[in-house]
Amino acid sequence: MKEKIKEYFSNFNFDLRKSHYSCWIDQKCTPDVICIIADCIINYLENDRNKEFTVKDIWNSDYSIDIIESIFRKPGVDSEASSNEYDKFFSQPIKLLAYSQVLSEEHSGHKNYYKLKNYDLLDYISIRDRNALDFLILYIEKVLKDSNLLEDFNIFFEVQTKESYLAIKQRYINFIKNNTDKNGSTEISRIFTKVINPLAFKFRKCGTENGRISNSAITYDMLLYNRLNWRDSEVAKPKNITRKEFEQYMDIKNDNILTYNVDKAKRRIKQFNDRYRDGLSEMKINGEYPSEKATQMHHIFPQNEYPTIANYLENIIALTPNQHYLEAHPDNNTQYINEDYQYLCVIAKVGDVKDYCDNIEKYDNIPLYDFKCMLFVLNTGYKTNEFDDIELYDFNKVYEKLREIG
């Protein structure tokens, strides 16, 4: 998908010296917020992708209200005191999506009106925070390159000193002042964080923290609006990354975050299964798929034991009620996992991911499974690092490792 995003971006010039667009990125433009706002737009346009909308249309939708009030702990949208905050929370990511040509934007009267321009890209962003981050990094690089700024940032990533940090920060502040209507150094400095840190994360380099060069490489949690405060020391950590980077965006003190992400993942698996598999199970019985509809979206590695992969599509499999409550959880005991059946579910899911990767055109190129995410699920579920070194799309090696485990 990254190559498709690059190809799409190549059709446009994001040079800020020509557009003078000051809202190309802003303080609320974090991967988790962009992901959720994309999901809210997808939900709002569910029955009419050509529908025009305003920022308020999105934030006043029932779906958005439920999400934002619960997982981000924000006051009600009807609260006068929160109106300005809601406007920023929704409008800043939406303006980013417009400048990146995912949406179109037109100004009429005192309002901005938006329409969908690239559904596949918006859909991809809405799946998970990591997708939104991949998109965000490519977008930032494209804007900086077109604006003749990227090389200045690359110099900082090569020479990580206080002096080089101050140089790139001042270079960016001056550039924005000279080419857009933003002229406050403090505001631009805050937005500078949203520009440099995703790139620093990509390169595993220092970025900025508290207005200074960070003491260490920028980690994933530092990019998020809702910073994590949870650790699972039992989950296997991939090699060559820090524990902090490994920890996923999850806040156990707010179970609604987990619930939202899991529900979204289950909903997506069911929609995909209903559309492309006639709603049948992903698990065969005696070599045949049962005719009974697969209404149960089952966690292969249970949510209570493996919360870090609970919202991964690669960890959710569509089963019939009998398969779910008699095979996966014998005697309808959902606290017990049949490990033999779990292994069969793993094999079946890997097969489905392989089929998707091999035949994505058959599935209308819709974004769904990710090979690296599948490896992460397997590493986490089996508490191992054995899947770390597998080359992209080398499913034979995956099956080989699974045979060793099984």
Protein backbone atom coordinates (compact mmCIF):
# COMPACT_ATOMS: atom_id res chain seq x y z
CA MET A 1 0.00 0.00 0.00
CA LYS A 2 2.90 2.37 0.66
CA GLU A 3 3.87 2.26 -3.01
CA LYS A 4 0.29 3.04 -4.02
CA ILE A 5 0.25 6.03 -1.68
CA LYS A 6 3.51 7.29 -3.18
CA GLU A 7 2.12 6.78 -6.68
CA TYR A 8 -1.03 8.70 -5.77
CA PHE A 9 0.92 11.55 -4.20
CA SER A 10 3.09 11.81 -7.33
CA ASN A 11 0.08 13.26 -9.14
CA PHE A 12 0.11 16.35 -6.91
CA ASN A 13 2.41 19.18 -5.92
CA PHE A 14 2.28 19.90 -2.19
CA ASP A 15 4.74 22.81 -2.31
CA LEU A 16 3.80 25.19 0.48
CA ARG A 17 5.62 28.01 -1.30
CA LYS A 18 2.92 27.84 -3.96
CA SER A 19 -0.16 26.87 -1.97
CA HIS A 20 0.63 28.95 1.15
CA TYR A 21 -1.62 26.46 2.97
CA SER A 22 -0.94 26.80 6.70
CA CYS A 23 -3.24 23.95 7.76
CA TRP A 24 -1.40 21.13 5.98
CA ILE A 25 -0.66 19.65 9.43
CA ASP A 26 -1.52 20.73 12.95
CA GLN A 27 -1.33 19.75 16.62
CA LYS A 28 -4.24 17.27 16.55
CA CYS A 29 -2.81 15.46 13.52
CA THR A 30 -1.54 12.37 15.33
CA PRO A 31 -1.84 8.83 13.92
CA ASP A 32 -4.51 7.73 16.39
CA VAL A 33 -6.67 10.82 15.85
CA ILE A 34 -6.30 10.73 12.05
CA CYS A 35 -7.25 7.04 12.11
CA ILE A 36 -10.39 7.67 14.15
CA ILE A 37 -11.49 10.72 12.17
CA ALA A 38 -11.06 8.68 8.97
CA ASP A 39 -13.22 5.96 10.52
CA CYS A 40 -15.86 8.54 11.48
CA ILE A 41 -15.95 9.83 7.90
CA ILE A 42 -16.18 6.30 6.48
CA ASN A 43 -19.09 5.60 8.81
CA TYR A 44 -20.82 8.88 7.93
CA LEU A 45 -20.53 8.17 4.18
CA GLU A 46 -21.55 4.52 4.55
CA ASN A 47 -24.55 4.72 2.22
CA ASP A 48 -23.43 7.57 -0.02
CA ARG A 49 -19.76 8.06 -0.83
CA ASN A 50 -20.59 11.13 -2.91
CA LYS A 51 -22.22 12.97 -0.03
CA GLU A 52 -20.89 16.43 0.78
CA PHE A 53 -20.17 17.16 4.44
CA THR A 54 -18.82 19.76 6.85
CA VAL A 55 -16.64 19.28 9.91
CA LYS A 56 -19.72 19.68 12.12
CA ASP A 57 -21.56 16.97 10.19
CA ILE A 58 -18.86 14.51 11.19
CA TRP A 59 -18.50 15.54 14.81
CA ASN A 60 -22.29 15.64 15.38
CA SER A 61 -22.86 12.14 13.99
CA ASP A 62 -23.93 9.59 16.61
CA TYR A 63 -20.98 7.37 15.75
CA SER A 64 -18.45 10.16 16.32
CA ILE A 65 -20.10 11.31 19.54
CA ASP A 66 -19.94 7.81 21.05
CA ILE A 67 -16.28 7.38 20.13
CA ILE A 68 -14.89 10.76 21.10
CA GLU A 69 -16.78 11.16 24.36
CA SER A 70 -15.83 7.69 25.54
CA ILE A 71 -12.30 6.93 24.42
CA PHE A 72 -10.88 10.44 24.48
CA ARG A 73 -12.80 11.45 27.61
CA LYS A 74 -13.96 14.68 26.05
CA PRO A 75 -17.07 16.55 27.29
CA GLY A 76 -20.32 16.39 25.35
CA VAL A 77 -20.35 17.91 21.90
CA ASP A 78 -23.22 20.14 22.94
CA SER A 79 -21.07 21.76 25.61
CA GLU A 80 -20.33 25.38 24.69
CA ALA A 81 -16.99 25.19 26.49
CA SER A 82 -15.87 22.24 24.38
CA SER A 83 -16.97 23.60 20.99
CA ASN A 84 -13.60 25.10 20.06
CA GLU A 85 -11.75 21.97 21.15
CA TYR A 86 -14.05 19.75 19.07
CA ASP A 87 -13.59 22.01 16.07
CA LYS A 88 -9.82 21.55 16.27
CA PHE A 89 -10.06 17.84 16.98
CA PHE A 90 -12.08 17.19 13.84
CA SER A 91 -11.11 20.04 11.52
CA GLN A 92 -7.33 19.70 11.76
CA PRO A 93 -7.18 16.05 10.58
CA ILE A 94 -9.88 16.74 7.99
CA LYS A 95 -7.87 19.65 6.58
CA LEU A 96 -4.81 17.39 6.44
CA LEU A 97 -6.85 14.80 4.54
CA ALA A 98 -7.97 17.55 2.16
CA TYR A 99 -4.48 18.90 1.45
CA SER A 100 -3.25 15.33 0.88
CA GLN A 101 -6.03 14.93 -1.72
CA VAL A 102 -7.83 12.17 0.16
CA LEU A 103 -10.74 14.62 0.39
CA SER A 104 -11.67 17.60 -1.73
CA GLU A 105 -12.34 20.95 -0.06
CA GLU A 106 -14.46 23.89 -1.21
CA HIS A 107 -15.21 27.10 0.63
CA SER A 108 -18.70 28.59 0.42
CA GLY A 109 -20.00 31.34 2.64
CA HIS A 110 -18.59 30.78 6.09
CA LYS A 111 -18.17 27.03 5.73
CA ASN A 112 -15.78 24.53 4.20
CA TYR A 113 -17.41 21.64 2.38
CA TYR A 114 -15.68 18.32 1.84
CA LYS A 115 -16.20 15.35 -0.45
CA LEU A 116 -14.50 12.01 -0.72
CA LYS A 117 -11.75 11.91 -3.34
CA ASN A 118 -9.91 8.63 -2.63
CA TYR A 119 -12.01 6.08 -0.77
CA ASP A 120 -9.38 3.32 -0.77
CA LEU A 121 -6.81 5.54 0.89
CA LEU A 122 -9.25 6.84 3.51
CA ASP A 123 -10.35 3.26 4.18
CA TYR A 124 -6.74 2.16 4.62
CA ILE A 125 -6.08 4.98 7.09
CA SER A 126 -9.20 4.06 9.08
CA ILE A 127 -8.19 0.45 9.72
CA ARG A 128 -5.49 1.00 12.36
CA ASP A 129 -3.20 3.63 13.81
CA ARG A 130 -0.15 2.08 12.15
CA ASN A 131 -1.73 2.53 8.73
CA ALA A 132 -2.43 6.14 9.56
CA LEU A 133 1.19 6.55 10.65
CA ASP A 134 2.51 5.04 7.40
CA PHE A 135 0.31 7.47 5.46
CA LEU A 136 1.34 10.39 7.66
CA ILE A 137 5.07 9.76 7.20
CA LEU A 138 4.75 9.52 3.42
CA TYR A 139 2.61 12.67 3.38
CA ILE A 140 5.06 14.67 5.50
CA GLU A 141 7.97 13.56 3.32
CA LYS A 142 6.11 14.54 0.16
CA VAL A 143 5.21 18.01 1.47
CA LEU A 144 8.76 18.64 2.68
CA LYS A 145 10.28 17.39 -0.56
CA ASP A 146 7.99 19.51 -2.74
CA SER A 147 8.71 22.50 -0.50
CA ASN A 148 12.48 21.95 -0.73
CA LEU A 149 12.74 21.27 3.01
CA LEU A 150 13.35 17.53 3.16
CA GLU A 151 17.12 17.72 2.78
CA ASP A 152 17.34 20.09 5.75
CA PHE A 153 15.52 17.53 7.90
CA ASN A 154 17.75 14.74 6.61
CA ILE A 155 20.82 16.69 7.68
CA PHE A 156 19.46 16.78 11.24
CA PHE A 157 18.85 13.02 11.20
CA GLU A 158 22.44 12.48 10.10
CA VAL A 159 23.99 14.92 12.60
CA GLN A 160 21.99 14.76 15.81
CA THR A 161 23.25 17.61 17.93
CA LYS A 162 21.66 20.46 19.85
CA GLU A 163 23.01 22.85 17.22
CA SER A 164 21.60 20.91 14.27
CA TYR A 165 18.26 20.62 16.08
CA LEU A 166 18.04 24.37 16.66
CA ALA A 167 19.02 24.95 13.04
CA ILE A 168 16.26 22.78 11.55
CA LYS A 169 13.69 24.12 14.00
CA GLN A 170 14.47 27.72 13.13
CA ARG A 171 14.62 26.89 9.44
CA TYR A 172 11.09 25.46 9.65
CA ILE A 173 9.74 28.38 11.70
CA ASN A 174 11.14 30.90 9.24
CA PHE A 175 9.83 28.94 6.27
CA ILE A 176 6.28 28.78 7.64
CA LYS A 177 6.31 32.48 8.56
CA ASN A 178 7.52 33.44 5.08
CA ASN A 179 5.15 31.19 3.13
CA THR A 180 1.90 30.91 5.11
CA ASP A 181 -0.33 33.09 7.25
CA LYS A 182 1.02 31.58 10.48
CA ASN A 183 3.41 33.98 12.18
CA GLY A 184 3.55 32.90 15.82
CA SER A 185 6.81 31.14 16.67
CA THR A 186 5.26 29.33 19.65
CA GLU A 187 2.40 27.84 17.61
CA ILE A 188 4.69 26.89 14.74
CA SER A 189 7.10 25.24 17.21
CA ARG A 190 4.28 23.07 18.54
CA ILE A 191 3.30 22.03 15.04
CA PHE A 192 6.97 21.40 14.23
CA THR A 193 6.77 18.49 16.70
CA LYS A 194 4.09 16.84 14.54
CA VAL A 195 6.34 17.20 11.48
CA ILE A 196 9.69 16.01 12.76
CA ASN A 197 8.75 13.24 15.19
CA PRO A 198 7.03 10.86 12.74
CA LEU A 199 10.16 11.08 10.57
CA ALA A 200 12.39 10.57 13.60
CA PHE A 201 10.38 7.46 14.46
CA LYS A 202 10.83 6.12 10.93
CA PHE A 203 14.60 6.52 11.11
CA ARG A 204 14.87 5.51 14.79
CA LYS A 205 16.43 8.88 15.55
CA CYS A 206 16.08 11.64 18.10
CA GLY A 207 13.37 14.18 17.45
CA THR A 208 11.91 16.82 19.72
CA GLU A 209 10.45 16.65 23.23
CA ASN A 210 9.46 19.56 25.47
CA GLY A 211 10.86 22.04 22.97
CA ARG A 212 14.32 20.48 22.88
CA ILE A 213 16.08 17.68 21.08
CA SER A 214 14.90 14.42 22.63
CA ASN A 215 17.30 12.46 24.82
CA SER A 216 16.68 9.26 22.86
CA ALA A 217 15.03 7.99 19.70
CA ILE A 218 11.37 8.85 19.25
CA THR A 219 9.11 5.93 20.12
CA TYR A 220 5.67 5.08 18.82
CA ASP A 221 3.79 6.12 21.93
CA MET A 222 5.30 9.62 21.71
CA LEU A 223 3.45 10.19 18.43
CA LEU A 224 0.00 9.56 19.87
CA TYR A 225 -2.67 11.91 21.15
CA ASN A 226 -3.72 9.39 23.80
CA ARG A 227 -0.36 8.30 25.20
CA LEU A 228 -0.15 4.72 26.46
CA ASN A 229 0.45 3.91 30.10
CA TRP A 230 0.33 0.16 29.96
CA ARG A 231 2.97 -2.57 29.70
CA ASP A 232 2.82 -6.32 29.13
CA SER A 233 6.18 -7.81 30.01
CA GLU A 234 5.03 -11.30 29.05
CA VAL A 235 4.59 -10.52 25.37
CA ALA A 236 7.53 -11.44 23.18
CA LYS A 237 9.40 -8.37 21.96
CA PRO A 238 10.81 -8.33 18.43
CA LYS A 239 14.57 -7.91 18.25
CA ASN A 240 16.28 -4.60 17.61
CA ILE A 241 13.53 -2.36 18.99
CA THR A 242 13.03 -0.88 22.43
CA ARG A 243 10.45 -2.12 24.88
CA LYS A 244 8.79 1.29 24.78
CA GLU A 245 8.53 1.21 20.99
CA PHE A 246 7.14 -2.30 21.11
CA GLU A 247 4.27 -1.42 23.43
CA GLN A 248 1.12 -0.74 21.52
CA TYR A 249 -1.26 2.16 21.87
CA MET A 250 -3.51 0.92 24.66
CA ASP A 251 -4.72 2.39 27.92
CA ILE A 252 -6.14 -0.19 30.29
CA LYS A 253 -7.55 2.57 32.49
CA ASN A 254 -9.84 3.36 29.61
CA ASP A 255 -11.29 0.06 28.39
CA ASN A 256 -13.32 1.92 25.77
CA ILE A 257 -10.19 2.40 23.66
CA LEU A 258 -9.65 -1.33 23.48
CA THR A 259 -13.36 -2.00 22.98
CA TYR A 260 -13.55 0.49 20.10
CA ASN A 261 -10.52 -0.95 18.31
CA VAL A 262 -11.64 -4.54 18.78
CA ASP A 263 -15.21 -3.83 17.66
CA LYS A 264 -13.89 -2.02 14.59
CA ALA A 265 -11.61 -4.93 13.70
CA LYS A 266 -14.38 -7.52 14.18
CA ARG A 267 -16.79 -5.45 12.13
CA ARG A 268 -14.29 -5.20 9.28
CA ILE A 269 -13.60 -8.95 9.27
CA LYS A 270 -17.34 -9.69 9.20
CA GLN A 271 -17.96 -7.22 6.38
CA PHE A 272 -15.11 -8.69 4.35
CA ASN A 273 -16.23 -12.27 5.05
CA ASP A 274 -19.85 -11.52 4.15
CA ARG A 275 -18.85 -9.80 0.92
CA TYR A 276 -16.17 -12.12 -0.41
CA ARG A 277 -16.85 -15.47 1.29
CA ASP A 278 -20.66 -15.44 1.36
CA GLY A 279 -20.49 -15.22 5.13
CA LEU A 280 -19.09 -18.72 5.49
CA SER A 281 -16.60 -19.93 8.07
CA GLU A 282 -12.87 -19.58 7.54
CA MET A 283 -12.45 -23.06 9.03
CA LYS A 284 -13.17 -26.23 7.06
CA ILE A 285 -14.79 -29.36 8.53
CA ASN A 286 -13.59 -32.58 6.92
CA GLY A 287 -12.23 -30.60 4.00
CA GLU A 288 -15.43 -28.61 3.41
CA TYR A 289 -16.64 -25.25 4.58
CA PRO A 290 -19.85 -25.63 6.61
CA SER A 291 -23.01 -24.12 5.11
CA GLU A 292 -23.89 -22.49 8.42
CA LYS A 293 -23.13 -18.77 8.45
CA ALA A 294 -20.07 -17.55 10.33
CA THR A 295 -21.53 -15.08 12.81
CA GLN A 296 -18.79 -15.34 15.43
CA MET A 297 -15.65 -13.20 15.08
CA HIS A 298 -13.25 -15.18 17.26
CA HIS A 299 -9.91 -14.14 18.73
CA ILE A 300 -7.40 -16.86 17.89
CA PHE A 301 -5.17 -15.65 20.72
CA PRO A 302 -7.64 -14.52 23.41
CA GLN A 303 -8.15 -10.86 24.12
CA ASN A 304 -7.74 -11.11 27.89
CA GLU A 305 -4.33 -12.77 27.56
CA TYR A 306 -3.04 -10.87 24.52
CA PRO A 307 -4.55 -7.36 24.57
CA THR A 308 -1.77 -5.96 22.36
CA ILE A 309 -3.05 -7.97 19.38
CA ALA A 310 -6.75 -7.95 20.26
CA ASN A 311 -7.54 -5.44 17.50
CA TYR A 312 -5.34 -7.04 14.83
CA LEU A 313 -7.38 -8.32 11.88
CA GLU A 314 -4.82 -11.10 11.53
CA ASN A 315 -5.86 -12.42 14.98
CA ILE A 316 -9.60 -12.58 14.26
CA ILE A 317 -11.23 -15.46 12.41
CA ALA A 318 -14.86 -15.89 11.31
CA LEU A 319 -16.41 -19.06 12.75
CA THR A 320 -19.86 -20.60 12.95
CA PRO A 321 -21.53 -20.65 16.40
CA ASN A 322 -20.85 -24.39 16.73
CA GLN A 323 -17.19 -23.97 15.83
CA HIS A 324 -16.87 -21.11 18.29
CA TYR A 325 -18.70 -22.56 21.27
CA LEU A 326 -17.99 -26.27 20.81
CA GLU A 327 -14.56 -26.39 19.17
CA ALA A 328 -12.68 -23.19 20.01
CA HIS A 329 -14.26 -23.02 23.50
CA PRO A 330 -15.32 -26.61 24.36
CA ASP A 331 -18.60 -26.91 26.28
CA ASN A 332 -19.21 -23.20 25.72
CA ASN A 333 -16.53 -22.33 28.28
CA THR A 334 -15.16 -19.08 26.86
CA GLN A 335 -12.47 -19.02 29.55
CA TYR A 336 -10.91 -22.15 28.06
CA ILE A 337 -9.04 -22.34 24.75
CA ASN A 338 -8.71 -25.61 22.85
CA GLU A 339 -5.04 -25.30 21.87
CA ASP A 340 -5.29 -27.93 19.14
CA TYR A 341 -8.15 -26.03 17.52
CA GLN A 342 -6.31 -22.77 18.08
CA TYR A 343 -3.41 -24.13 16.02
CA LEU A 344 -5.82 -25.09 13.23
CA CYS A 345 -7.26 -21.56 13.34
CA VAL A 346 -3.75 -20.14 13.00
CA ILE A 347 -3.08 -22.30 9.95
CA ALA A 348 -6.42 -21.30 8.42
CA LYS A 349 -5.85 -17.60 9.06
CA VAL A 350 -2.35 -17.66 7.60
CA GLY A 351 -3.88 -19.33 4.56
CA ASP A 352 -6.45 -16.57 4.24
CA VAL A 353 -3.78 -13.87 4.58
CA LYS A 354 -1.74 -15.63 1.88
CA ASP A 355 -4.74 -15.83 -0.43
CA TYR A 356 -5.42 -12.14 0.14
CA CYS A 357 -1.81 -11.14 -0.54
CA ASP A 358 -1.58 -13.36 -3.63
CA ASN A 359 -4.93 -12.31 -5.10
CA ILE A 360 -5.60 -8.80 -3.87
CA GLU A 361 -7.21 -7.85 -7.20
CA LYS A 362 -9.86 -10.50 -6.52
CA TYR A 363 -10.71 -8.53 -3.42
CA ASP A 364 -10.97 -5.23 -5.29
CA ASN A 365 -7.64 -4.09 -3.80
CA ILE A 366 -9.37 -3.18 -0.55
CA PRO A 367 -6.98 -2.75 2.38
CA LEU A 368 -7.21 -5.55 4.92
CA TYR A 369 -4.40 -7.87 5.98
CA ASP A 370 -0.75 -6.98 6.45
CA PHE A 371 2.02 -9.59 6.28
CA LYS A 372 4.17 -7.92 8.93
CA CYS A 373 1.19 -7.56 11.24
CA MET A 374 0.55 -11.28 10.81
CA LEU A 375 4.13 -12.00 11.90
CA PHE A 376 3.67 -9.73 14.90
CA VAL A 377 0.51 -11.64 15.88
CA LEU A 378 2.35 -14.96 15.61
CA ASN A 379 5.34 -13.72 17.60
CA THR A 380 3.07 -12.34 20.30
CA GLY A 381 0.69 -15.28 20.45
CA TYR A 382 3.47 -17.86 20.67
CA LYS A 383 5.74 -15.66 22.85
CA THR A 384 8.63 -15.99 20.48
CA ASN A 385 10.84 -14.04 18.08
CA GLU A 386 11.02 -16.90 15.58
CA PHE A 387 9.01 -15.03 12.96
CA ASP A 388 11.18 -11.91 13.05
CA ASP A 389 13.59 -12.71 10.24
CA ILE A 390 11.08 -14.00 7.69
CA GLU A 391 11.28 -12.17 4.37
CA LEU A 392 8.23 -10.32 3.09
CA TYR A 393 5.56 -12.70 1.76
CA ASP A 394 7.65 -15.82 2.45
CA PHE A 395 4.66 -17.89 3.54
CA ASN A 396 6.58 -21.14 3.09
CA LYS A 397 8.89 -20.03 5.89
CA VAL A 398 5.89 -19.10 8.02
CA TYR A 399 4.40 -22.56 7.58
CA GLU A 400 7.78 -24.12 8.35
CA LYS A 401 7.98 -22.21 11.65
CA LEU A 402 4.39 -23.17 12.48
CA ARG A 403 5.13 -26.85 11.88
CA GLU A 404 7.98 -26.57 14.37
CA ILE A 405 5.63 -25.00 16.90
CA GLY A 406 2.80 -27.43 16.23
